[in-house]
Protein backbone atom coordinates (compact mmCIF):
# COMPACT_ATOMS: atom_id res chain seq x y z
CA UNK A 1 24.95 -26.36 30.51
CA UNK A 2 23.78 -29.23 32.71
CA UNK A 3 20.16 -30.38 32.81
CA UNK A 4 19.71 -28.82 36.24
CA UNK A 5 19.29 -25.07 35.90
CA UNK A 6 22.00 -23.37 37.98
CA UNK A 7 20.99 -20.67 40.43
CA UNK A 8 23.26 -17.65 40.76
CA UNK A 9 23.65 -15.01 43.44
CA UNK A 10 24.88 -11.69 42.03
CA UNK A 11 26.54 -9.96 44.95
CA UNK A 12 27.70 -6.70 43.41
CA UNK A 13 26.43 -3.80 41.36
CA UNK A 14 26.23 -4.80 37.68
CA UNK A 15 25.32 -3.19 34.37
CA UNK A 16 21.68 -4.03 33.61
CA UNK A 17 22.66 -5.69 30.33
CA UNK A 18 23.71 -8.74 32.37
CA UNK A 19 20.20 -9.75 33.40
CA UNK A 20 18.57 -10.45 30.01
CA UNK A 21 21.75 -12.24 28.94
CA UNK A 22 21.51 -14.62 31.93
CA UNK A 23 17.81 -15.15 31.40
CA UNK A 24 18.28 -15.97 27.72
CA UNK A 25 21.06 -18.39 28.66
CA UNK A 26 18.66 -20.23 30.99
CA UNK A 27 20.04 -19.23 34.38
CA UNK A 28 18.00 -18.36 37.46
CA UNK A 29 19.50 -15.59 39.54
CA UNK A 30 19.02 -13.20 42.41
CA UNK A 31 20.46 -9.71 42.17
CA UNK A 32 21.61 -8.50 45.58
CA UNK A 33 24.03 -5.59 44.95
CA UNK A 34 23.86 -4.29 48.52
CA UNK A 35 24.18 -7.63 50.29
CA UNK A 36 26.45 -7.54 53.33
CA UNK A 37 29.20 -10.03 54.04
CA UNK A 38 27.18 -11.53 56.89
CA UNK A 39 24.11 -11.89 54.69
CA UNK A 40 26.18 -13.45 51.92
CA UNK A 41 27.62 -16.06 54.28
CA UNK A 42 24.13 -16.86 55.48
CA UNK A 43 22.53 -17.24 52.04
CA UNK A 44 25.23 -18.61 49.73
CA UNK A 45 24.68 -22.29 50.60
CA UNK A 46 21.57 -22.44 48.43
CA UNK A 47 23.26 -21.22 45.24
CA UNK A 48 25.26 -22.98 42.53
CA UNK A 49 27.03 -19.88 41.32
CA UNK A 50 28.28 -16.52 42.53
CA UNK A 51 28.96 -13.45 40.38
CA UNK A 52 31.06 -10.64 41.84
CA UNK A 53 32.83 -7.53 40.67
CA UNK A 54 34.98 -5.56 43.11
CA UNK A 55 33.24 -5.69 46.49
CA UNK A 56 33.23 -9.36 47.43
CA UNK A 57 36.22 -11.40 48.57
CA UNK A 58 35.96 -15.12 47.86
CA UNK A 59 38.09 -16.70 50.57
CA UNK A 60 38.21 -19.82 52.74
CA UNK A 61 35.61 -18.62 55.30
CA UNK A 62 33.15 -17.83 52.52
CA UNK A 63 33.72 -21.12 50.72
CA UNK A 64 33.16 -23.09 53.91
CA UNK A 65 29.63 -21.69 53.89
CA UNK A 66 29.01 -22.57 50.23
CA UNK A 67 28.95 -26.38 49.91
CA UNK A 68 26.96 -26.32 46.67
CA UNK A 69 29.00 -23.67 44.87
CA UNK A 70 30.03 -24.85 41.39
CA UNK A 71 31.38 -21.67 39.85
CA UNK A 72 32.40 -18.07 40.54
CA UNK A 73 32.21 -15.40 37.85
CA UNK A 74 34.17 -12.16 38.09
CA UNK A 75 32.81 -9.30 35.99
CA UNK A 76 36.26 -7.94 35.30
CA UNK A 77 39.80 -9.05 34.57
CA UNK A 78 41.65 -9.36 37.90
CA UNK A 79 41.29 -12.36 40.20
CA UNK A 80 43.07 -10.97 43.28
CA UNK A 81 39.80 -11.01 45.26
CA UNK A 82 39.54 -14.79 44.83
CA UNK A 83 41.56 -17.35 46.81
CA UNK A 84 42.42 -19.53 43.84
CA UNK A 85 44.05 -22.22 45.97
CA UNK A 86 40.93 -22.64 48.08
CA UNK A 87 38.76 -22.60 44.95
CA UNK A 88 40.87 -25.21 43.15
CA UNK A 89 40.85 -27.74 45.96
CA UNK A 90 37.04 -27.66 45.87
CA UNK A 91 36.91 -28.07 42.06
CA UNK A 92 35.00 -24.82 41.74
CA UNK A 93 35.33 -23.24 38.31
CA UNK A 94 36.34 -19.60 37.96
CA UNK A 95 35.31 -17.39 35.06
CA UNK A 96 36.44 -13.86 34.40
CA UNK A 97 36.07 -11.35 31.60
CA UNK A 98 39.71 -10.62 30.83
CA UNK A 99 39.02 -9.80 27.20
CA UNK A 100 35.99 -7.67 27.99
CA UNK A 101 37.88 -4.48 28.81
CA UNK A 102 41.18 -5.04 26.97
CA UNK A 103 40.43 -2.51 24.21
CA UNK A 104 39.51 0.10 26.79
CA UNK A 105 42.73 -0.53 28.74
CA UNK A 106 44.86 -0.35 25.60
CA UNK A 107 43.36 2.96 24.50
CA UNK A 108 43.60 4.45 27.98
CA UNK A 109 47.22 3.41 28.41
CA UNK A 110 48.26 5.03 25.14
CA UNK A 111 46.23 8.13 25.97
CA UNK A 112 47.94 8.55 29.34
CA UNK A 113 51.36 8.04 27.77
CA UNK A 114 50.73 10.62 25.05
CA UNK A 115 49.43 13.05 27.66
CA UNK A 116 52.67 12.69 29.59
CA UNK A 117 55.21 12.65 26.73
CA UNK A 118 53.62 15.57 24.87
CA UNK A 119 52.95 17.53 28.09
CA UNK A 120 49.28 17.72 27.15
CA UNK A 121 48.00 17.57 30.72
CA UNK A 122 50.49 20.15 32.02
CA UNK A 123 50.08 22.49 29.05
CA UNK A 124 46.30 22.38 29.32
CA UNK A 125 46.46 23.44 32.97
CA UNK A 126 48.90 26.25 32.16
CA UNK A 127 46.86 27.66 29.29
CA UNK A 128 43.77 27.66 31.49
CA UNK A 129 45.76 29.84 33.92
CA UNK A 130 46.71 32.20 31.09
CA UNK A 131 50.27 30.86 30.69
CA UNK A 132 51.43 30.44 27.07
CA UNK A 133 54.68 28.46 27.40
CA UNK A 134 55.63 26.78 24.12
CA UNK A 135 59.27 25.94 24.77
CA UNK A 136 58.59 24.69 28.28
CA UNK A 137 56.11 22.22 26.87
CA UNK A 138 58.22 20.83 24.05
CA UNK A 139 57.46 17.12 24.15
CA UNK A 140 58.87 13.77 23.08
CA UNK A 141 57.55 11.58 20.29
CA UNK A 142 56.24 8.17 21.24
CA UNK A 143 57.67 6.82 18.00
CA UNK A 144 61.19 7.49 19.25
CA UNK A 145 60.73 5.25 22.30
CA UNK A 146 61.31 1.60 23.14
CA UNK A 147 58.33 0.44 25.19
CA UNK A 148 58.60 -2.64 27.39
CA UNK A 149 55.36 -4.39 28.29
CA UNK A 150 55.54 -6.68 31.31
CA UNK A 151 52.65 -9.14 31.20
CA UNK A 152 51.43 -10.09 27.74
CA UNK A 153 47.87 -11.23 28.31
CA UNK A 154 44.72 -9.55 27.07
CA UNK A 155 45.58 -6.04 28.24
CA UNK A 156 49.26 -6.21 27.35
CA UNK A 157 48.47 -7.40 23.84
CA UNK A 158 45.79 -4.76 23.30
CA UNK A 159 48.21 -2.05 24.42
CA UNK A 160 50.99 -3.33 22.15
CA UNK A 161 48.63 -3.38 19.18
CA UNK A 162 47.83 0.28 19.66
CA UNK A 163 51.42 1.28 20.37
CA UNK A 164 52.64 -0.37 17.17
CA UNK A 165 50.85 2.24 15.08
CA UNK A 166 53.13 4.95 16.44
CA UNK A 167 56.28 3.37 15.09
CA UNK A 168 57.87 2.73 18.46
CA UNK A 169 59.75 -0.46 19.23
CA UNK A 170 57.64 -2.66 21.51
CA UNK A 171 59.17 -5.42 23.66
CA UNK A 172 57.16 -7.81 25.81
CA UNK A 173 57.79 -10.30 28.58
CA UNK A 174 55.45 -12.81 30.23
CA UNK A 175 56.82 -15.39 32.66
CA UNK A 176 53.80 -17.66 32.21
CA UNK A 177 53.82 -17.90 28.41
CA UNK A 178 56.00 -19.31 25.63
CA UNK A 179 56.08 -18.41 21.93
CA UNK A 180 53.99 -15.31 22.52
CA UNK A 181 55.73 -12.71 20.38
CA UNK A 182 53.57 -11.37 17.56
CA UNK A 183 53.28 -8.68 14.91
CA UNK A 184 52.97 -5.97 17.53
CA UNK A 185 55.66 -6.85 20.08
CA UNK A 186 58.91 -8.79 20.28
CA UNK A 187 59.09 -11.34 23.10
CA UNK A 188 62.35 -10.87 25.02
CA UNK A 189 63.84 -11.81 28.41
CA UNK A 190 62.87 -9.49 31.24
CA UNK A 191 66.44 -8.25 31.54
CA UNK A 192 66.31 -6.92 27.99
CA UNK A 193 63.30 -4.78 28.87
CA UNK A 194 65.00 -3.52 32.00
CA UNK A 195 68.13 -2.52 30.07
CA UNK A 196 66.61 -1.16 26.84
CA UNK A 197 63.17 0.28 27.55
CA UNK A 198 62.43 4.00 27.73
CA UNK A 199 58.90 3.19 28.91
CA UNK A 200 57.94 0.26 31.15
CA UNK A 201 54.25 -0.63 31.19
CA UNK A 202 52.80 -3.05 33.75
CA UNK A 203 50.04 -5.49 32.77
CA UNK A 204 50.41 -8.19 35.41
CA UNK A 205 48.04 -9.52 38.07
CA UNK A 206 48.43 -8.82 41.77
CA UNK A 207 49.88 -11.90 43.47
CA UNK A 208 52.19 -12.56 46.40
CA UNK A 209 55.07 -12.43 43.92
CA UNK A 210 54.07 -9.13 42.31
CA UNK A 211 52.98 -7.20 45.40
CA UNK A 212 55.44 -4.29 45.80
CA UNK A 213 57.41 -5.67 42.84
CA UNK A 214 58.42 -2.18 41.75
CA UNK A 215 60.57 -1.11 44.69
CA UNK A 216 63.89 0.72 45.01
CA UNK A 217 65.92 -2.30 43.93
CA UNK A 218 63.72 -2.90 40.89
CA UNK A 219 63.96 0.73 39.79
CA UNK A 220 67.74 0.61 40.21
CA UNK A 221 67.89 -2.33 37.78
CA UNK A 222 66.46 -0.25 34.93
CA UNK A 223 69.32 0.61 32.59
CA UNK A 224 68.33 4.19 31.78
CA UNK A 225 65.96 6.89 33.02
CA UNK A 226 62.48 5.69 32.11
CA UNK A 227 58.76 6.37 32.21
CA UNK A 228 56.60 4.02 34.28
CA UNK A 229 53.01 3.15 33.45
CA UNK A 230 50.74 1.13 35.74
CA UNK A 231 47.24 0.25 34.53
CA UNK A 232 47.24 -3.08 36.40
CA UNK A 233 47.01 -3.06 40.21
CA UNK A 234 48.22 -0.30 42.51
CA UNK A 235 49.83 -2.58 45.07
CA UNK A 236 52.37 -3.73 42.47
CA UNK A 237 54.21 -0.40 42.75
CA UNK A 238 55.69 0.98 45.94
CA UNK A 239 54.76 4.65 45.78
CA UNK A 240 57.54 5.48 48.24
CA UNK A 241 60.06 3.96 45.82
CA UNK A 242 58.39 5.69 42.88
CA UNK A 243 58.61 9.07 44.57
CA UNK A 244 62.29 8.51 45.30
CA UNK A 245 62.79 7.53 41.66
CA UNK A 246 61.07 10.70 40.47
CA UNK A 247 63.12 12.82 42.87
CA UNK A 248 66.40 11.28 41.68
CA UNK A 249 65.46 11.55 38.01
CA UNK A 250 65.72 7.80 37.39
CA UNK A 251 61.98 7.83 36.77
CA UNK A 252 61.32 10.51 34.18
CA UNK A 253 57.56 10.40 34.67
CA UNK A 254 54.69 8.12 35.58
CA UNK A 255 51.20 7.26 34.34
CA UNK A 256 49.16 5.78 37.18
CA UNK A 257 45.60 4.59 36.81
CA UNK A 258 45.88 2.70 40.11
CA UNK A 259 47.37 3.42 43.53
CA UNK A 260 48.48 1.38 46.56
CA UNK A 261 45.51 2.72 48.49
CA UNK A 262 42.67 4.08 46.38
CA UNK A 263 40.63 5.16 49.40
CA UNK A 264 42.02 8.69 49.32
CA UNK A 265 40.29 9.73 52.54
CA UNK A 266 41.91 6.87 54.48
CA UNK A 267 45.60 7.21 53.67
CA UNK A 268 48.34 6.65 56.22
CA UNK A 269 50.71 9.55 56.83
CA UNK A 270 53.30 8.00 54.51
CA UNK A 271 50.71 7.29 51.82
CA UNK A 272 49.42 10.84 52.10
CA UNK A 273 52.92 12.29 51.69
CA UNK A 274 53.52 10.15 48.61
CA UNK A 275 50.14 11.01 47.13
CA UNK A 276 50.70 14.73 47.73
CA UNK A 277 54.01 14.53 45.88
CA UNK A 278 52.45 12.70 42.94
CA UNK A 279 49.40 14.94 42.61
CA UNK A 280 51.52 18.08 42.61
CA UNK A 281 54.06 16.75 40.10
CA UNK A 282 53.70 17.78 36.46
CA UNK A 283 55.59 14.62 35.53
CA UNK A 284 52.76 12.38 36.72
CA UNK A 285 49.41 11.66 35.07
CA UNK A 286 46.74 10.23 37.38
CA UNK A 287 43.35 8.67 36.67
CA UNK A 288 40.95 6.96 39.14
CA UNK A 289 41.18 3.26 38.11
CA UNK A 290 39.18 3.83 34.94
CA UNK A 291 41.47 2.35 32.26
CA UNK A 292 38.99 -0.45 31.58
CA UNK A 293 35.94 1.53 32.63
CA UNK A 294 34.18 2.58 29.43
CA UNK A 295 30.53 2.47 28.45
CA UNK A 296 31.38 -0.18 25.87
CA UNK A 297 33.45 -2.38 28.19
CA UNK A 298 30.73 -2.33 30.86
CA UNK A 299 28.48 -4.26 28.45
CA UNK A 300 31.23 -6.30 26.79
CA UNK A 301 32.40 -7.69 30.15
CA UNK A 302 28.94 -9.16 30.69
CA UNK A 303 28.89 -10.63 27.19
CA UNK A 304 32.24 -12.36 27.75
CA UNK A 305 31.22 -13.65 31.18
CA UNK A 306 27.88 -15.09 30.06
CA UNK A 307 29.47 -16.70 27.02
CA UNK A 308 31.74 -18.65 29.35
CA UNK A 309 28.89 -19.54 31.70
CA UNK A 310 26.95 -21.03 28.79
CA UNK A 311 29.73 -23.61 28.44
CA UNK A 312 29.18 -25.06 31.92
């Protein structure tokens, strides 16, 4: 850390474990979890650092009002709220806690997949209604599957590590890495995943290139009927295309921790129709963007973030 003690504005709700960590590391900070956008623009000029989670967008208008900003910390993995081009041209450093919730994401992903393949979610609902249907809930073994992981960063690797214990074949692809295959997954070209996988699991960031990546054409490229899992960002998958894939049988089932629009009271008519289909389908497992949202990860994210900030 430099000789001048950095001052940080924390503009989002954070786990209280963050504050003693920052104090011990020698930072001065203000915690303003309810700060409005207008207030943030007014006050940010006097701070060296900004820590956000999911509320604040760091874009060109905000950066124009922050001439002294040296770093931005994101208490989470994704960076889609940050204009990285605008940040880079100002030589502002970006820190995020990608490894902080990877174990949580890996466990959640496998849990959702088991719930779908073994019909655990559907069978539980039926038994609670007094329906005892053994044959109708005969499931598939995860160990019989080939799982393709697209995006082999922290979350993809953590998921592969957990999948490997089930005996399934795990393939992985990451367009930004080389020599990344390991004990848990075999690195292959994307086309090999699309032609061989029974399960396709998404672990990629939301960018202009990945927005609506999974559309009708993408689903058509898959070589066989498959299960889709998305624990990344909802906007990567077109839910209209997914519904059509489920209706045609090309998509055998889906595990979705994220949706295109997670504000369920503010859906367009098309989004509402798609959501209604998904929530009534017993071939779909839904959770409310909680794959990385455990009690342990809430603290670990702060530990990872502060460790990086100490290296300023």
